[in-house]
Amino acid sequence: MTSQDNNADLKKVADLLLTAKHAIAFTGAGISVASGIPPFRGENGIWAKYNPQVLELSYYYSHPRKCWKFIKEIFFENFIGVKANPGHYALTKLQEMGYIQNIFTQNIDNLHQEAGSNNVYEFHGNRQYFVCKSCHKTYSVNQVDLDADYPKCPDCNSLLKPDFIFFSEALPHLVLDQAYKDAEIADLVLVIGCSGEVYPANQIPHYAKEMGACIVEINPQSSLYTSSVTDIMLQGKSQDILTDLVKMIQEIKG
């Protein structure tokens, strides 16, 4: 795709946002790559380096010390110094301007909130919190000793679980329900930095398409969505394209 083609499509998307009655964003790991967070899948993804077994729920509870060593490295040490990038801020700007209603994310990095976005629905939880399955109390990451052999509940001393989704664990039904409700009424969906591989969250753009929404994909390369549901493909880095999209809308509005 040439830059001229991309610019023409960018204008189309800007016009669609200006006229949409209910537009939502659906984000994946790709939007956070510019923040220094590696993707989970692919040649250079996290699961190419680590054994995914450390994130199996039953294995974590039966081998907490072994799993925590790697979970701490993957989800906490790798995130030191990570900040929201221009893509996150551009999406917040689109929300503030009234063109994006809700953001549905597969990410656990809290960067949408850090950038000031609201109405953020997290399919896979948030690394900022821990939950005790014994006494059911929730703690922020700052309240937990990450350097212990494994994280322990400050109240009952039981094993804490990071409050994000492990393998074999169900997604929060309230988030999934809201996503389907939004997908049913959305006339425009921005799919940003998603591979389309992670079930069941990956079904939301498909459902939105069935309900008549226009699907705009923003990705550096093709995904499982590209040939199945995507109507307009804006190929490139999400931080660049989203920033350009905000500028174009501002120019159109004068």
Foldseek 3Di string as FASTA:
>chain_A
DDPVVLVVLLLVVLVCLVPWPAEAEEEEPQQQVVLQQAAQDDDPHPVVPDPLVLLAVVVCQVPVLVSLVVCCVRPPVSCVNGARALLLLLVQVCVVVPSHPAYEYQDQDCRNVRSPHPNYQYQWHHQQWKADPPVGDMDGPVVWDSPPSATADPPPRHGIDRGTHGPPGHTDVVSVVVLLVSLLPTQEYEYEHDQLPDPPSSCSLVSSQVNHHAYEYEEQDDHPCNVPRHPHYNHDRSSVSSVVSSVSSVVVVD
